[in-house]
Amino acid sequence: MTESSTSAYQLRFQSLFHSGRGFAFPCDPTGHVDLDGMSERARNNYFYARAMVGRELSAPAVEASALH
């Protein structure tokens, strides 16, 4: 995955209970996340978010990243 493809999209897990809260991770247009390119902390957060789908977080959705 190239940096340009990962920065254009994000995989977002929204909180089921707190509006505006959740997790977002860079991904490609199909929702694939580059685990090898993540820091250990980001990787742990990603695994936590996946484990909490349906309990604390919504199913992930691919969104276009906001351009700065």
PDB file of N, CA and C in Angstrom:
ATOM      1  N   MET A   1       0.840  -1.174   0.000  1.00  0.00           N
ATOM      2  CA  MET A   1       0.000   0.000   0.000  1.00  0.00           C
ATOM      3  C   MET A   1       0.888   1.241   0.000  1.00  0.00           C
ATOM      4  N   THR A   2       0.545   2.196  -0.781  1.00  0.00           N
ATOM      5  CA  THR A   2       1.320   3.426  -0.809  1.00  0.00           C
ATOM      6  C   THR A   2       0.746   4.427   0.174  1.00  0.00           C
ATOM      7  N   GLU A   3       1.562   5.392   0.561  1.00  0.00           N
ATOM      8  CA  GLU A   3       1.107   6.407   1.508  1.00  0.00           C
ATOM      9  C   GLU A   3      -0.071   7.195   0.958  1.00  0.00           C
ATOM     10  N   SER A   4      -0.056   7.489  -0.338  1.00  0.00           N
ATOM     11  CA  SER A   4      -1.150   8.275  -0.910  1.00  0.00           C
ATOM     12  C   SER A   4      -2.478   7.532  -0.853  1.00  0.00           C
ATOM     13  N   SER A   5      -2.442   6.203  -1.011  1.00  0.00           N
ATOM     14  CA  SER A   5      -3.693   5.455  -0.961  1.00  0.00           C
ATOM     15  C   SER A   5      -4.207   5.321   0.466  1.00  0.00           C
ATOM     16  N   THR A   6      -3.296   5.237   1.447  1.00  0.00           N
ATOM     17  CA  THR A   6      -3.748   5.093   2.824  1.00  0.00           C
ATOM     18  C   THR A   6      -4.227   6.408   3.403  1.00  0.00           C
ATOM     19  N   SER A   7      -3.704   7.523   2.941  1.00  0.00           N
ATOM     20  CA  SER A   7      -4.101   8.796   3.527  1.00  0.00           C
ATOM     21  C   SER A   7      -5.425   9.307   2.964  1.00  0.00           C
ATOM     22  N   ALA A   8      -5.874   8.770   1.851  1.00  0.00           N
ATOM     23  CA  ALA A   8      -7.111   9.248   1.233  1.00  0.00           C
ATOM     24  C   ALA A   8      -8.357   8.664   1.896  1.00  0.00           C
ATOM     25  N   TYR A   9      -8.220   7.556   2.610  1.00  0.00           N
ATOM     26  CA  TYR A   9      -9.367   6.882   3.223  1.00  0.00           C
ATOM     27  C   TYR A   9      -9.055   6.502   4.661  1.00  0.00           C
ATOM     28  N   GLN A  10     -10.113   6.342   5.430  1.00  0.00           N
ATOM     29  CA  GLN A  10      -9.951   5.862   6.798  1.00  0.00           C
ATOM     30  C   GLN A  10     -11.051   4.868   7.127  1.00  0.00           C
ATOM     31  N   LEU A  11     -10.704   3.916   7.957  1.00  0.00           N
ATOM     32  CA  LEU A  11     -11.652   2.932   8.458  1.00  0.00           C
ATOM     33  C   LEU A  11     -12.101   3.429   9.825  1.00  0.00           C
ATOM     34  N   ARG A  12     -13.378   3.766   9.955  1.00  0.00           N
ATOM     35  CA  ARG A  12     -13.879   4.409  11.179  1.00  0.00           C
ATOM     36  C   ARG A  12     -14.817   3.484  11.942  1.00  0.00           C
ATOM     37  N   PHE A  13     -14.530   3.348  13.236  1.00  0.00           N
ATOM     38  CA  PHE A  13     -15.371   2.621  14.187  1.00  0.00           C
ATOM     39  C   PHE A  13     -15.992   3.674  15.101  1.00  0.00           C
ATOM     40  N   GLN A  14     -17.298   3.892  15.017  1.00  0.00           N
ATOM     41  CA  GLN A  14     -17.993   4.896  15.831  1.00  0.00           C
ATOM     42  C   GLN A  14     -18.467   4.278  17.148  1.00  0.00           C
ATOM     43  N   SER A  15     -18.424   5.063  18.216  1.00  0.00           N
ATOM     44  CA  SER A  15     -18.956   4.624  19.503  1.00  0.00           C
ATOM     45  C   SER A  15     -20.470   4.447  19.396  1.00  0.00           C
ATOM     46  N   LEU A  16     -20.980   3.406  20.014  1.00  0.00           N
ATOM     47  CA  LEU A  16     -22.425   3.179  20.045  1.00  0.00           C
ATOM     48  C   LEU A  16     -23.109   4.039  21.103  1.00  0.00           C
ATOM     49  N   PHE A  17     -22.328   4.560  22.048  1.00  0.00           N
ATOM     50  CA  PHE A  17     -22.910   5.249  23.196  1.00  0.00           C
ATOM     51  C   PHE A  17     -22.526   6.719  23.317  1.00  0.00           C
ATOM     52  N   HIS A  18     -21.418   7.131  22.710  1.00  0.00           N
ATOM     53  CA  HIS A  18     -20.927   8.501  22.850  1.00  0.00           C
ATOM     54  C   HIS A  18     -20.724   9.106  21.465  1.00  0.00           C
ATOM     55  N   SER A  19     -21.613   9.992  21.089  1.00  0.00           N
ATOM     56  CA  SER A  19     -21.545  10.631  19.778  1.00  0.00           C
ATOM     57  C   SER A  19     -20.208  11.346  19.587  1.00  0.00           C
ATOM     58  N   GLY A  20     -19.608  11.164  18.425  1.00  0.00           N
ATOM     59  CA  GLY A  20     -18.350  11.822  18.108  1.00  0.00           C
ATOM     60  C   GLY A  20     -17.114  11.081  18.574  1.00  0.00           C
ATOM     61  N   ARG A  21     -17.292   9.986  19.282  1.00  0.00           N
ATOM     62  CA  ARG A  21     -16.146   9.214  19.759  1.00  0.00           C
ATOM     63  C   ARG A  21     -15.998   7.947  18.932  1.00  0.00           C
ATOM     64  N   GLY A  22     -14.789   7.427  18.920  1.00  0.00           N
ATOM     65  CA  GLY A  22     -14.520   6.202  18.196  1.00  0.00           C
ATOM     66  C   GLY A  22     -13.066   6.121  17.799  1.00  0.00           C
ATOM     67  N   PHE A  23     -12.782   5.298  16.817  1.00  0.00           N
ATOM     68  CA  PHE A  23     -11.431   5.093  16.323  1.00  0.00           C
ATOM     69  C   PHE A  23     -11.438   5.224  14.810  1.00  0.00           C
ATOM     70  N   ALA A  24     -10.333   5.718  14.255  1.00  0.00           N
ATOM     71  CA  ALA A  24     -10.178   5.804  12.798  1.00  0.00           C
ATOM     72  C   ALA A  24      -8.754   5.413  12.444  1.00  0.00           C
ATOM     73  N   PHE A  25      -8.610   4.636  11.380  1.00  0.00           N
ATOM     74  CA  PHE A  25      -7.311   4.133  10.953  1.00  0.00           C
ATOM     75  C   PHE A  25      -7.154   4.329   9.453  1.00  0.00           C
ATOM     76  N   PRO A  26      -5.962   4.724   8.995  1.00  0.00           N
ATOM     77  CA  PRO A  26      -5.734   4.863   7.551  1.00  0.00           C
ATOM     78  C   PRO A  26      -5.955   3.519   6.860  1.00  0.00           C
ATOM     79  N   CYS A  27      -6.568   3.563   5.688  1.00  0.00           N
ATOM     80  CA  CYS A  27      -6.819   2.329   4.945  1.00  0.00           C
ATOM     81  C   CYS A  27      -6.832   2.629   3.456  1.00  0.00           C
ATOM     82  N   ASP A  28      -6.969   1.570   2.660  1.00  0.00           N
ATOM     83  CA  ASP A  28      -7.115   1.747   1.215  1.00  0.00           C
ATOM     84  C   ASP A  28      -8.611   1.849   0.895  1.00  0.00           C
ATOM     85  N   PRO A  29      -8.965   2.068  -0.354  1.00  0.00           N
ATOM     86  CA  PRO A  29     -10.391   2.244  -0.701  1.00  0.00           C
ATOM     87  C   PRO A  29     -11.284   1.049  -0.359  1.00  0.00           C
ATOM     88  N   THR A  30     -10.693  -0.133  -0.195  1.00  0.00           N
ATOM     89  CA  THR A  30     -11.492  -1.315   0.139  1.00  0.00           C
ATOM     90  C   THR A  30     -11.530  -1.601   1.634  1.00  0.00           C
ATOM     91  N   GLY A  31     -10.869  -0.761   2.445  1.00  0.00           N
ATOM     92  CA  GLY A  31     -10.898  -0.928   3.892  1.00  0.00           C
ATOM     93  C   GLY A  31      -9.765  -1.733   4.482  1.00  0.00           C
ATOM     94  N   HIS A  32      -8.780  -2.100   3.672  1.00  0.00           N
ATOM     95  CA  HIS A  32      -7.632  -2.844   4.190  1.00  0.00           C
ATOM     96  C   HIS A  32      -6.674  -1.907   4.907  1.00  0.00           C
ATOM     97  N   VAL A  33      -6.302  -2.280   6.133  1.00  0.00           N
ATOM     98  CA  VAL A  33      -5.399  -1.496   6.969  1.00  0.00           C
ATOM     99  C   VAL A  33      -4.008  -2.118   6.892  1.00  0.00           C
ATOM    100  N   ASP A  34      -2.972  -1.289   6.799  1.00  0.00           N
ATOM    101  CA  ASP A  34      -1.584  -1.755   6.746  1.00  0.00           C
ATOM    102  C   ASP A  34      -1.070  -1.950   8.169  1.00  0.00           C
ATOM    103  N   LEU A  35      -1.258  -3.137   8.725  1.00  0.00           N
ATOM    104  CA  LEU A  35      -0.846  -3.415  10.097  1.00  0.00           C
ATOM    105  C   LEU A  35       0.656  -3.266  10.282  1.00  0.00           C
ATOM    106  N   ASP A  36       1.437  -3.653   9.284  1.00  0.00           N
ATOM    107  CA  ASP A  36       2.893  -3.563   9.393  1.00  0.00           C
ATOM    108  C   ASP A  36       3.374  -2.119   9.446  1.00  0.00           C
ATOM    109  N   GLY A  37       2.613  -1.208   8.901  1.00  0.00           N
ATOM    110  CA  GLY A  37       2.997   0.194   8.891  1.00  0.00           C
ATOM    111  C   GLY A  37       2.533   0.968  10.114  1.00  0.00           C
ATOM    112  N   MET A  38       1.800   0.317  11.003  1.00  0.00           N
ATOM    113  CA  MET A  38       1.271   0.981  12.201  1.00  0.00           C
ATOM    114  C   MET A  38       2.247   0.880  13.360  1.00  0.00           C
ATOM    115  N   SER A  39       2.155   1.840  14.271  1.00  0.00           N
ATOM    116  CA  SER A  39       2.899   1.735  15.526  1.00  0.00           C
ATOM    117  C   SER A  39       2.249   0.636  16.368  1.00  0.00           C
ATOM    118  N   GLU A  40       2.948   0.197  17.384  1.00  0.00           N
ATOM    119  CA  GLU A  40       2.392  -0.843  18.251  1.00  0.00           C
ATOM    120  C   GLU A  40       1.112  -0.351  18.934  1.00  0.00           C
ATOM    121  N   ARG A  41       1.102   0.897  19.353  1.00  0.00           N
ATOM    122  CA  ARG A  41      -0.081   1.459  20.015  1.00  0.00           C
ATOM    123  C   ARG A  41      -1.275   1.506  19.060  1.00  0.00           C
ATOM    124  N   ALA A  42      -1.047   1.967  17.833  1.00  0.00           N
ATOM    125  CA  ALA A  42      -2.125   2.032  16.845  1.00  0.00           C
ATOM    126  C   ALA A  42      -2.641   0.632  16.520  1.00  0.00           C
ATOM    127  N   ARG A  43      -1.732  -0.321  16.396  1.00  0.00           N
ATOM    128  CA  ARG A  43      -2.125  -1.706  16.107  1.00  0.00           C
ATOM    129  C   ARG A  43      -2.978  -2.267  17.248  1.00  0.00           C
ATOM    130  N   ASN A  44      -2.580  -2.013  18.492  1.00  0.00           N
ATOM    131  CA  ASN A  44      -3.372  -2.470  19.640  1.00  0.00           C
ATOM    132  C   ASN A  44      -4.747  -1.811  19.661  1.00  0.00           C
ATOM    133  N   ASN A  45      -4.812  -0.527  19.337  1.00  0.00           N
ATOM    134  CA  ASN A  45      -6.103   0.166  19.265  1.00  0.00           C
ATOM    135  C   ASN A  45      -6.981  -0.426  18.168  1.00  0.00           C
ATOM    136  N   TYR A  46      -6.375  -0.778  17.038  1.00  0.00           N
ATOM    137  CA  TYR A  46      -7.120  -1.388  15.932  1.00  0.00           C
ATOM    138  C   TYR A  46      -7.716  -2.735  16.364  1.00  0.00           C
ATOM    139  N   PHE A  47      -6.901  -3.567  16.998  1.00  0.00           N
ATOM    140  CA  PHE A  47      -7.398  -4.870  17.455  1.00  0.00           C
ATOM    141  C   PHE A  47      -8.490  -4.701  18.518  1.00  0.00           C
ATOM    142  N   TYR A  48      -8.336  -3.711  19.393  1.00  0.00           N
ATOM    143  CA  TYR A  48      -9.365  -3.430  20.399  1.00  0.00           C
ATOM    144  C   TYR A  48     -10.670  -3.023  19.715  1.00  0.00           C
ATOM    145  N   ALA A  49     -10.575  -2.108  18.757  1.00  0.00           N
ATOM    146  CA  ALA A  49     -11.768  -1.633  18.047  1.00  0.00           C
ATOM    147  C   ALA A  49     -12.483  -2.793  17.368  1.00  0.00           C
ATOM    148  N   ARG A  50     -11.733  -3.664  16.712  1.00  0.00           N
ATOM    149  CA  ARG A  50     -12.359  -4.820  16.055  1.00  0.00           C
ATOM    150  C   ARG A  50     -13.056  -5.723  17.064  1.00  0.00           C
ATOM    151  N   ALA A  51     -12.434  -5.913  18.226  1.00  0.00           N
ATOM    152  CA  ALA A  51     -13.009  -6.796  19.244  1.00  0.00           C
ATOM    153  C   ALA A  51     -14.268  -6.202  19.873  1.00  0.00           C
ATOM    154  N   MET A  52     -14.393  -4.884  19.870  1.00  0.00           N
ATOM    155  CA  MET A  52     -15.515  -4.213  20.530  1.00  0.00           C
ATOM    156  C   MET A  52     -16.692  -3.906  19.601  1.00  0.00           C
ATOM    157  N   VAL A  53     -16.612  -4.343  18.341  1.00  0.00           N
ATOM    158  CA  VAL A  53     -17.732  -4.139  17.410  1.00  0.00           C
ATOM    159  C   VAL A  53     -18.962  -4.859  17.951  1.00  0.00           C
ATOM    160  N   GLY A  54     -20.061  -4.117  18.048  1.00  0.00           N
ATOM    161  CA  GLY A  54     -21.308  -4.670  18.562  1.00  0.00           C
ATOM    162  C   GLY A  54     -21.458  -4.545  20.063  1.00  0.00           C
ATOM    163  N   ARG A  55     -20.366  -4.298  20.761  1.00  0.00           N
ATOM    164  CA  ARG A  55     -20.416  -4.118  22.212  1.00  0.00           C
ATOM    165  C   ARG A  55     -20.320  -2.640  22.568  1.00  0.00           C
ATOM    166  N   GLU A  56     -19.265  -1.990  22.065  1.00  0.00           N
ATOM    167  CA  GLU A  56     -19.046  -0.567  22.322  1.00  0.00           C
ATOM    168  C   GLU A  56     -18.963   0.253  21.037  1.00  0.00           C
ATOM    169  N   LEU A  57     -18.650  -0.416  19.929  1.00  0.00           N
ATOM    170  CA  LEU A  57     -18.413   0.285  18.669  1.00  0.00           C
ATOM    171  C   LEU A  57     -19.267  -0.287  17.545  1.00  0.00           C
ATOM    172  N   SER A  58     -19.562   0.566  16.568  1.00  0.00           N
ATOM    173  CA  SER A  58     -20.303   0.128  15.382  1.00  0.00           C
ATOM    174  C   SER A  58     -19.375  -0.639  14.448  1.00  0.00           C
ATOM    175  N   ALA A  59     -19.967  -1.344  13.510  1.00  0.00           N
ATOM    176  CA  ALA A  59     -19.171  -1.989  12.465  1.00  0.00           C
ATOM    177  C   ALA A  59     -18.405  -0.900  11.715  1.00  0.00           C
ATOM    178  N   PRO A  60     -17.192  -1.192  11.270  1.00  0.00           N
ATOM    179  CA  PRO A  60     -16.389  -0.153  10.622  1.00  0.00           C
ATOM    180  C   PRO A  60     -16.945   0.255   9.264  1.00  0.00           C
ATOM    181  N   ALA A  61     -16.669   1.496   8.917  1.00  0.00           N
ATOM    182  CA  ALA A  61     -17.069   2.036   7.618  1.00  0.00           C
ATOM    183  C   ALA A  61     -15.880   2.753   7.000  1.00  0.00           C
ATOM    184  N   VAL A  62     -15.696   2.583   5.698  1.00  0.00           N
ATOM    185  CA  VAL A  62     -14.643   3.293   4.974  1.00  0.00           C
ATOM    186  C   VAL A  62     -15.166   4.675   4.623  1.00  0.00           C
ATOM    187  N   GLU A  63     -14.383   5.694   4.958  1.00  0.00           N
ATOM    188  CA  GLU A  63     -14.748   7.080   4.666  1.00  0.00           C
ATOM    189  C   GLU A  63     -13.569   7.782   4.015  1.00  0.00           C
ATOM    190  N   ALA A  64     -13.865   8.774   3.211  1.00  0.00           N
ATOM    191  CA  ALA A  64     -12.803   9.622   2.675  1.00  0.00           C
ATOM    192  C   ALA A  64     -12.240  10.442   3.825  1.00  0.00           C
ATOM    193  N   SER A  65     -10.919  10.526   3.901  1.00  0.00           N
ATOM    194  CA  SER A  65     -10.283  11.329   4.946  1.00  0.00           C
ATOM    195  C   SER A  65     -10.488  12.799   4.658  1.00  0.00           C
ATOM    196  N   ALA A  66     -10.611  13.567   5.712  1.00  0.00           N
ATOM    197  CA  ALA A  66     -10.708  15.021   5.556  1.00  0.00           C
ATOM    198  C   ALA A  66      -9.346  15.548   5.120  1.00  0.00           C
ATOM    199  N   LEU A  67      -9.328  16.343   4.080  1.00  0.00           N
ATOM    200  CA  LEU A  67      -8.073  16.918   3.612  1.00  0.00           C
ATOM    201  C   LEU A  67      -7.766  18.159   4.422  1.00  0.00           C
ATOM    202  N   HIS A  68      -6.495  18.322   4.751  1.00  0.00           N
ATOM    203  CA  HIS A  68      -6.087  19.484   5.558  1.00  0.00           C
ATOM    204  C   HIS A  68      -5.545  20.565   4.678  1.00  0.00           C
TER     205      HIS A  68
END
